[in-house]
Structure formats: C-alpha cells, structure tokens
Amino acid sequence: MSAICQVTGRKPGYGKRVSHSHRRTSRRWEPNLQRRKYWVPSEGRWVRLRVSVKGMKTIEKRGIEAVVAGLRAKGVRC
C-alpha cells in the first residue's frame, strides 16, 4: 500500500541526505499516516481511512460526512 493520505493526498517527499563529508544519498520524508475508523451517522456504519494528521484536522473542521462525500465524488472507495 502506498504512503498517500486519502483525505489530503499527501505523499512522501524526496531529497538527499548530506553527511558531514558532504556525500549525498537519497532519502524520503514519509507523511505521518494513521489508520482511523470514523462513524458515519447517515450511513450507520464505520469507515476506515488511512489519513495523515493534517487529514484528521481537516475531518474535524469539515466533518466526516462532507469528507466522505468528497472522497466518493473523486471515486475513492471507503
């Protein structure tokens, strides 16, 4: 499973690790993803999402109903 937030679309960032001697090697910054279950009252069921912490804040602000409706409009199965 890829490291992408279902709500915000955050993905890993890529860059270089630079040592003291200035050698460069590739690295990636992973988003802070969590698996969370949210109760959707209109459907009467739980929805499991893989969201970043920023995505959790978005759900708290907009509400789970609006977020799930937006995901369904994009064609995401949840």
PDB file of N, CA and C in Angstrom:
ATOM      1  N   MET A   1       0.844  -1.179   0.000  1.00  0.00           N
ATOM      2  CA  MET A   1       0.000   0.000   0.000  1.00  0.00           C
ATOM      3  C   MET A   1       0.889   1.242   0.000  1.00  0.00           C
ATOM      4  N   SER A   2       0.569   2.184  -0.855  1.00  0.00           N
ATOM      5  CA  SER A   2       1.392   3.377  -0.965  1.00  0.00           C
ATOM      6  C   SER A   2       1.118   4.335   0.189  1.00  0.00           C
ATOM      7  N   ALA A   3       2.100   5.165   0.469  1.00  0.00           N
ATOM      8  CA  ALA A   3       2.014   6.102   1.592  1.00  0.00           C
ATOM      9  C   ALA A   3       1.363   7.402   1.130  1.00  0.00           C
ATOM     10  N   ILE A   4       0.037   7.357   0.921  1.00  0.00           N
ATOM     11  CA  ILE A   4      -0.705   8.538   0.474  1.00  0.00           C
ATOM     12  C   ILE A   4      -1.913   8.718   1.377  1.00  0.00           C
ATOM     13  N   CYS A   5      -2.128   9.948   1.838  1.00  0.00           N
ATOM     14  CA  CYS A   5      -3.296  10.267   2.664  1.00  0.00           C
ATOM     15  C   CYS A   5      -4.529  10.279   1.773  1.00  0.00           C
ATOM     16  N   GLN A   6      -5.607   9.617   2.217  1.00  0.00           N
ATOM     17  CA  GLN A   6      -6.824   9.557   1.421  1.00  0.00           C
ATOM     18  C   GLN A   6      -7.573  10.880   1.402  1.00  0.00           C
ATOM     19  N   VAL A   7      -7.378  11.719   2.418  1.00  0.00           N
ATOM     20  CA  VAL A   7      -8.120  12.976   2.504  1.00  0.00           C
ATOM     21  C   VAL A   7      -7.369  14.110   1.819  1.00  0.00           C
ATOM     22  N   THR A   8      -6.106  14.315   2.180  1.00  0.00           N
ATOM     23  CA  THR A   8      -5.351  15.461   1.668  1.00  0.00           C
ATOM     24  C   THR A   8      -4.497  15.129   0.459  1.00  0.00           C
ATOM     25  N   GLY A   9      -4.209  13.843   0.233  1.00  0.00           N
ATOM     26  CA  GLY A   9      -3.367  13.461  -0.888  1.00  0.00           C
ATOM     27  C   GLY A   9      -1.882  13.633  -0.635  1.00  0.00           C
ATOM     28  N   ARG A  10      -1.479  13.814   0.620  1.00  0.00           N
ATOM     29  CA  ARG A  10      -0.060  13.983   0.933  1.00  0.00           C
ATOM     30  C   ARG A  10       0.707  12.721   0.599  1.00  0.00           C
ATOM     31  N   LYS A  11       1.895  12.921   0.001  1.00  0.00           N
ATOM     32  CA  LYS A  11       2.755  11.820  -0.417  1.00  0.00           C
ATOM     33  C   LYS A  11       4.133  12.009   0.206  1.00  0.00           C
ATOM     34  N   PRO A  12       4.990  11.002   0.091  1.00  0.00           N
ATOM     35  CA  PRO A  12       6.359  11.189   0.598  1.00  0.00           C
ATOM     36  C   PRO A  12       7.091  12.263  -0.193  1.00  0.00           C
ATOM     37  N   GLY A  13       7.950  12.996   0.522  1.00  0.00           N
ATOM     38  CA  GLY A  13       8.825  13.966  -0.128  1.00  0.00           C
ATOM     39  C   GLY A  13      10.180  13.322  -0.335  1.00  0.00           C
ATOM     40  N   TYR A  14      10.850  13.685  -1.412  1.00  0.00           N
ATOM     41  CA  TYR A  14      12.140  13.094  -1.735  1.00  0.00           C
ATOM     42  C   TYR A  14      13.232  14.144  -1.673  1.00  0.00           C
ATOM     43  N   GLY A  15      14.430  13.715  -1.327  1.00  0.00           N
ATOM     44  CA  GLY A  15      15.551  14.629  -1.263  1.00  0.00           C
ATOM     45  C   GLY A  15      16.837  13.870  -1.037  1.00  0.00           C
ATOM     46  N   LYS A  16      17.838  14.570  -0.551  1.00  0.00           N
ATOM     47  CA  LYS A  16      19.150  13.983  -0.311  1.00  0.00           C
ATOM     48  C   LYS A  16      19.528  14.114   1.151  1.00  0.00           C
ATOM     49  N   ARG A  17      20.145  13.063   1.676  1.00  0.00           N
ATOM     50  CA  ARG A  17      20.753  13.118   2.994  1.00  0.00           C
ATOM     51  C   ARG A  17      22.195  13.548   2.769  1.00  0.00           C
ATOM     52  N   VAL A  18      22.654  14.580   3.476  1.00  0.00           N
ATOM     53  CA  VAL A  18      24.003  15.099   3.276  1.00  0.00           C
ATOM     54  C   VAL A  18      24.804  14.831   4.543  1.00  0.00           C
ATOM     55  N   SER A  19      25.892  14.080   4.409  1.00  0.00           N
ATOM     56  CA  SER A  19      26.715  13.737   5.562  1.00  0.00           C
ATOM     57  C   SER A  19      27.679  14.871   5.889  1.00  0.00           C
ATOM     58  N   HIS A  20      28.444  14.680   6.949  1.00  0.00           N
ATOM     59  CA  HIS A  20      29.427  15.679   7.354  1.00  0.00           C
ATOM     60  C   HIS A  20      30.470  15.898   6.256  1.00  0.00           C
ATOM     61  N   SER A  21      30.833  14.814   5.546  1.00  0.00           N
ATOM     62  CA  SER A  21      31.809  14.943   4.461  1.00  0.00           C
ATOM     63  C   SER A  21      31.158  15.404   3.153  1.00  0.00           C
ATOM     64  N   HIS A  22      29.886  15.712   3.219  1.00  0.00           N
ATOM     65  CA  HIS A  22      29.088  16.241   2.106  1.00  0.00           C
ATOM     66  C   HIS A  22      28.775  15.191   1.037  1.00  0.00           C
ATOM     67  N   ARG A  23      28.819  13.901   1.405  1.00  0.00           N
ATOM     68  CA  ARG A  23      28.347  12.850   0.492  1.00  0.00           C
ATOM     69  C   ARG A  23      26.837  12.890   0.485  1.00  0.00           C
ATOM     70  N   ARG A  24      26.241  12.643  -0.662  1.00  0.00           N
ATOM     71  CA  ARG A  24      24.790  12.731  -0.779  1.00  0.00           C
ATOM     72  C   ARG A  24      24.197  11.369  -1.113  1.00  0.00           C
ATOM     73  N   THR A  25      23.180  10.982  -0.358  1.00  0.00           N
ATOM     74  CA  THR A  25      22.434   9.763  -0.623  1.00  0.00           C
ATOM     75  C   THR A  25      20.954  10.093  -0.592  1.00  0.00           C
ATOM     76  N   SER A  26      20.179   9.314  -1.303  1.00  0.00           N
ATOM     77  CA  SER A  26      18.747   9.590  -1.397  1.00  0.00           C
ATOM     78  C   SER A  26      18.025   9.229  -0.105  1.00  0.00           C
ATOM     79  N   ARG A  27      16.979   9.958   0.195  1.00  0.00           N
ATOM     80  CA  ARG A  27      16.118   9.654   1.335  1.00  0.00           C
ATOM     81  C   ARG A  27      14.714  10.140   1.036  1.00  0.00           C
ATOM     82  N   ARG A  28      13.762   9.756   1.877  1.00  0.00           N
ATOM     83  CA  ARG A  28      12.398  10.248   1.703  1.00  0.00           C
ATOM     84  C   ARG A  28      11.776  10.584   3.040  1.00  0.00           C
ATOM     85  N   TRP A  29      10.944  11.598   3.034  1.00  0.00           N
ATOM     86  CA  TRP A  29      10.216  12.039   4.217  1.00  0.00           C
ATOM     87  C   TRP A  29       8.817  11.477   4.114  1.00  0.00           C
ATOM     88  N   GLU A  30       8.474  10.567   5.015  1.00  0.00           N
ATOM     89  CA  GLU A  30       7.160   9.930   4.992  1.00  0.00           C
ATOM     90  C   GLU A  30       6.119  10.829   5.666  1.00  0.00           C
ATOM     91  N   PRO A  31       4.899  10.881   5.123  1.00  0.00           N
ATOM     92  CA  PRO A  31       3.834  11.596   5.828  1.00  0.00           C
ATOM     93  C   PRO A  31       3.420  10.820   7.078  1.00  0.00           C
ATOM     94  N   ASN A  32       2.905  11.508   8.075  1.00  0.00           N
ATOM     95  CA  ASN A  32       2.504  10.892   9.336  1.00  0.00           C
ATOM     96  C   ASN A  32       1.123  10.255   9.154  1.00  0.00           C
ATOM     97  N   LEU A  33       1.097   9.030   8.617  1.00  0.00           N
ATOM     98  CA  LEU A  33      -0.168   8.355   8.312  1.00  0.00           C
ATOM     99  C   LEU A  33      -0.635   7.500   9.477  1.00  0.00           C
ATOM    100  N   GLN A  34      -1.939   7.512   9.689  1.00  0.00           N
ATOM    101  CA  GLN A  34      -2.582   6.716  10.725  1.00  0.00           C
ATOM    102  C   GLN A  34      -3.791   6.022  10.105  1.00  0.00           C
ATOM    103  N   ARG A  35      -4.095   4.820  10.575  1.00  0.00           N
ATOM    104  CA  ARG A  35      -5.344   4.156  10.174  1.00  0.00           C
ATOM    105  C   ARG A  35      -6.386   4.480  11.226  1.00  0.00           C
ATOM    106  N   ARG A  36      -7.486   5.120  10.807  1.00  0.00           N
ATOM    107  CA  ARG A  36      -8.520   5.540  11.750  1.00  0.00           C
ATOM    108  C   ARG A  36      -9.882   5.062  11.273  1.00  0.00           C
ATOM    109  N   LYS A  37     -10.750   4.744  12.246  1.00  0.00           N
ATOM    110  CA  LYS A  37     -12.137   4.398  11.958  1.00  0.00           C
ATOM    111  C   LYS A  37     -13.003   5.566  12.390  1.00  0.00           C
ATOM    112  N   TYR A  38     -13.893   5.987  11.512  1.00  0.00           N
ATOM    113  CA  TYR A  38     -14.821   7.087  11.802  1.00  0.00           C
ATOM    114  C   TYR A  38     -16.247   6.576  11.644  1.00  0.00           C
ATOM    115  N   TRP A  39     -17.111   6.969  12.549  1.00  0.00           N
ATOM    116  CA  TRP A  39     -18.521   6.615  12.479  1.00  0.00           C
ATOM    117  C   TRP A  39     -19.236   7.614  11.583  1.00  0.00           C
ATOM    118  N   VAL A  40     -19.933   7.114  10.564  1.00  0.00           N
ATOM    119  CA  VAL A  40     -20.699   7.961   9.655  1.00  0.00           C
ATOM    120  C   VAL A  40     -22.173   7.769   9.994  1.00  0.00           C
ATOM    121  N   PRO A  41     -22.776   8.733  10.699  1.00  0.00           N
ATOM    122  CA  PRO A  41     -24.158   8.552  11.166  1.00  0.00           C
ATOM    123  C   PRO A  41     -25.176   8.377  10.040  1.00  0.00           C
ATOM    124  N   SER A  42     -25.018   9.080   8.925  1.00  0.00           N
ATOM    125  CA  SER A  42     -26.008   8.988   7.848  1.00  0.00           C
ATOM    126  C   SER A  42     -26.053   7.592   7.231  1.00  0.00           C
ATOM    127  N   GLU A  43     -24.924   6.898   7.224  1.00  0.00           N
ATOM    128  CA  GLU A  43     -24.877   5.547   6.665  1.00  0.00           C
ATOM    129  C   GLU A  43     -25.032   4.480   7.736  1.00  0.00           C
ATOM    130  N   GLY A  44     -24.870   4.868   8.999  1.00  0.00           N
ATOM    131  CA  GLY A  44     -24.996   3.926  10.098  1.00  0.00           C
ATOM    132  C   GLY A  44     -23.896   2.883  10.128  1.00  0.00           C
ATOM    133  N   ARG A  45     -22.679   3.277   9.735  1.00  0.00           N
ATOM    134  CA  ARG A  45     -21.571   2.329   9.716  1.00  0.00           C
ATOM    135  C   ARG A  45     -20.240   3.041   9.949  1.00  0.00           C
ATOM    136  N   TRP A  46     -19.213   2.231  10.222  1.00  0.00           N
ATOM    137  CA  TRP A  46     -17.867   2.746  10.400  1.00  0.00           C
ATOM    138  C   TRP A  46     -17.168   2.811   9.048  1.00  0.00           C
ATOM    139  N   VAL A  47     -16.313   3.829   8.869  1.00  0.00           N
ATOM    140  CA  VAL A  47     -15.500   3.961   7.669  1.00  0.00           C
ATOM    141  C   VAL A  47     -14.052   3.986   8.111  1.00  0.00           C
ATOM    142  N   ARG A  48     -13.235   3.124   7.516  1.00  0.00           N
ATOM    143  CA  ARG A  48     -11.814   3.077   7.868  1.00  0.00           C
ATOM    144  C   ARG A  48     -11.021   3.862   6.826  1.00  0.00           C
ATOM    145  N   LEU A  49     -10.241   4.823   7.287  1.00  0.00           N
ATOM    146  CA  LEU A  49      -9.449   5.657   6.386  1.00  0.00           C
ATOM    147  C   LEU A  49      -7.983   5.626   6.778  1.00  0.00           C
ATOM    148  N   ARG A  50      -7.118   5.818   5.804  1.00  0.00           N
ATOM    149  CA  ARG A  50      -5.686   5.968   6.048  1.00  0.00           C
ATOM    150  C   ARG A  50      -5.378   7.446   5.836  1.00  0.00           C
ATOM    151  N   VAL A  51      -5.258   8.177   6.932  1.00  0.00           N
ATOM    152  CA  VAL A  51      -5.148   9.630   6.854  1.00  0.00           C
ATOM    153  C   VAL A  51      -3.904  10.128   7.576  1.00  0.00           C
ATOM    154  N   SER A  52      -3.413  11.276   7.126  1.00  0.00           N
ATOM    155  CA  SER A  52      -2.331  11.957   7.829  1.00  0.00           C
ATOM    156  C   SER A  52      -2.944  12.749   8.983  1.00  0.00           C
ATOM    157  N   VAL A  53      -2.095  13.255   9.849  1.00  0.00           N
ATOM    158  CA  VAL A  53      -2.593  14.042  10.979  1.00  0.00           C
ATOM    159  C   VAL A  53      -3.238  15.320  10.465  1.00  0.00           C
ATOM    160  N   LYS A  54      -2.709  15.888   9.394  1.00  0.00           N
ATOM    161  CA  LYS A  54      -3.332  17.053   8.754  1.00  0.00           C
ATOM    162  C   LYS A  54      -4.727  16.684   8.233  1.00  0.00           C
ATOM    163  N   GLY A  55      -4.870  15.449   7.716  1.00  0.00           N
ATOM    164  CA  GLY A  55      -6.173  14.977   7.260  1.00  0.00           C
ATOM    165  C   GLY A  55      -7.164  14.837   8.407  1.00  0.00           C
ATOM    166  N   MET A  56      -6.678  14.432   9.588  1.00  0.00           N
ATOM    167  CA  MET A  56      -7.544  14.341  10.765  1.00  0.00           C
ATOM    168  C   MET A  56      -8.064  15.716  11.156  1.00  0.00           C
ATOM    169  N   LYS A  57      -7.195  16.725  11.070  1.00  0.00           N
ATOM    170  CA  LYS A  57      -7.622  18.095  11.369  1.00  0.00           C
ATOM    171  C   LYS A  57      -8.670  18.557  10.361  1.00  0.00           C
ATOM    172  N   THR A  58      -8.501  18.173   9.103  1.00  0.00           N
ATOM    173  CA  THR A  58      -9.475  18.522   8.070  1.00  0.00           C
ATOM    174  C   THR A  58     -10.823  17.879   8.368  1.00  0.00           C
ATOM    175  N   ILE A  59     -10.804  16.617   8.806  1.00  0.00           N
ATOM    176  CA  ILE A  59     -12.054  15.924   9.150  1.00  0.00           C
ATOM    177  C   ILE A  59     -12.725  16.603  10.333  1.00  0.00           C
ATOM    178  N   GLU A  60     -11.940  17.019  11.329  1.00  0.00           N
ATOM    179  CA  GLU A  60     -12.522  17.708  12.488  1.00  0.00           C
ATOM    180  C   GLU A  60     -13.144  19.041  12.086  1.00  0.00           C
ATOM    181  N   LYS A  61     -12.525  19.720  11.125  1.00  0.00           N
ATOM    182  CA  LYS A  61     -13.010  21.035  10.711  1.00  0.00           C
ATOM    183  C   LYS A  61     -14.247  20.934   9.820  1.00  0.00           C
ATOM    184  N   ARG A  62     -14.190  20.075   8.779  1.00  0.00           N
ATOM    185  CA  ARG A  62     -15.277  19.988   7.812  1.00  0.00           C
ATOM    186  C   ARG A  62     -16.353  18.990   8.183  1.00  0.00           C
ATOM    187  N   GLY A  63     -16.002  17.981   8.989  1.00  0.00           N
ATOM    188  CA  GLY A  63     -16.948  16.935   9.361  1.00  0.00           C
ATOM    189  C   GLY A  63     -16.756  15.703   8.487  1.00  0.00           C
ATOM    190  N   ILE A  64     -16.993  14.544   9.077  1.00  0.00           N
ATOM    191  CA  ILE A  64     -16.767  13.288   8.365  1.00  0.00           C
ATOM    192  C   ILE A  64     -17.743  13.116   7.205  1.00  0.00           C
ATOM    193  N   GLU A  65     -18.964  13.628   7.343  1.00  0.00           N
ATOM    194  CA  GLU A  65     -19.953  13.498   6.264  1.00  0.00           C
ATOM    195  C   GLU A  65     -19.469  14.189   4.991  1.00  0.00           C
ATOM    196  N   ALA A  66     -18.979  15.422   5.127  1.00  0.00           N
ATOM    197  CA  ALA A  66     -18.520  16.183   3.967  1.00  0.00           C
ATOM    198  C   ALA A  66     -17.273  15.564   3.361  1.00  0.00           C
ATOM    199  N   VAL A  67     -16.378  15.069   4.207  1.00  0.00           N
ATOM    200  CA  VAL A  67     -15.138  14.459   3.703  1.00  0.00           C
ATOM    201  C   VAL A  67     -15.445  13.180   2.935  1.00  0.00           C
ATOM    202  N   VAL A  68     -16.316  12.337   3.469  1.00  0.00           N
ATOM    203  CA  VAL A  68     -16.669  11.085   2.795  1.00  0.00           C
ATOM    204  C   VAL A  68     -17.393  11.384   1.484  1.00  0.00           C
ATOM    205  N   ALA A  69     -18.244  12.404   1.472  1.00  0.00           N
ATOM    206  CA  ALA A  69     -18.932  12.776   0.237  1.00  0.00           C
ATOM    207  C   ALA A  69     -17.924  13.248  -0.817  1.00  0.00           C
ATOM    208  N   GLY A  70     -16.923  13.992  -0.395  1.00  0.00           N
ATOM    209  CA  GLY A  70     -15.884  14.442  -1.318  1.00  0.00           C
ATOM    210  C   GLY A  70     -15.057  13.294  -1.861  1.00  0.00           C
ATOM    211  N   LEU A  71     -14.746  12.321  -0.993  1.00  0.00           N
ATOM    212  CA  LEU A  71     -13.991  11.151  -1.439  1.00  0.00           C
ATOM    213  C   LEU A  71     -14.789  10.346  -2.462  1.00  0.00           C
ATOM    214  N   ARG A  72     -16.079  10.183  -2.195  1.00  0.00           N
ATOM    215  CA  ARG A  72     -16.922   9.424  -3.125  1.00  0.00           C
ATOM    216  C   ARG A  72     -17.032  10.143  -4.464  1.00  0.00           C
ATOM    217  N   ALA A  73     -17.062  11.488  -4.424  1.00  0.00           N
ATOM    218  CA  ALA A  73     -17.140  12.254  -5.686  1.00  0.00           C
ATOM    219  C   ALA A  73     -15.866  12.061  -6.508  1.00  0.00           C
ATOM    220  N   LYS A  74     -14.723  11.872  -5.830  1.00  0.00           N
ATOM    221  CA  LYS A  74     -13.461  11.635  -6.511  1.00  0.00           C
ATOM    222  C   LYS A  74     -13.319  10.187  -6.977  1.00  0.00           C
ATOM    223  N   GLY A  75     -14.213   9.313  -6.519  1.00  0.00           N
ATOM    224  CA  GLY A  75     -14.162   7.907  -6.916  1.00  0.00           C
ATOM    225  C   GLY A  75     -13.379   7.031  -5.987  1.00  0.00           C
ATOM    226  N   VAL A  76     -13.048   7.529  -4.782  1.00  0.00           N
ATOM    227  CA  VAL A  76     -12.313   6.731  -3.808  1.00  0.00           C
ATOM    228  C   VAL A  76     -13.294   5.833  -3.076  1.00  0.00           C
ATOM    229  N   ARG A  77     -12.949   4.564  -2.957  1.00  0.00           N
ATOM    230  CA  ARG A  77     -13.810   3.612  -2.251  1.00  0.00           C
ATOM    231  C   ARG A  77     -13.488   3.671  -0.769  1.00  0.00           C
ATOM    232  N   CYS A  78     -14.501   3.932   0.049  1.00  0.00           N
ATOM    233  CA  CYS A  78     -14.277   3.967   1.505  1.00  0.00           C
ATOM    234  C   CYS A  78     -15.491   3.461   2.247  1.00  0.00           C
TER     235      CYS A  78
END
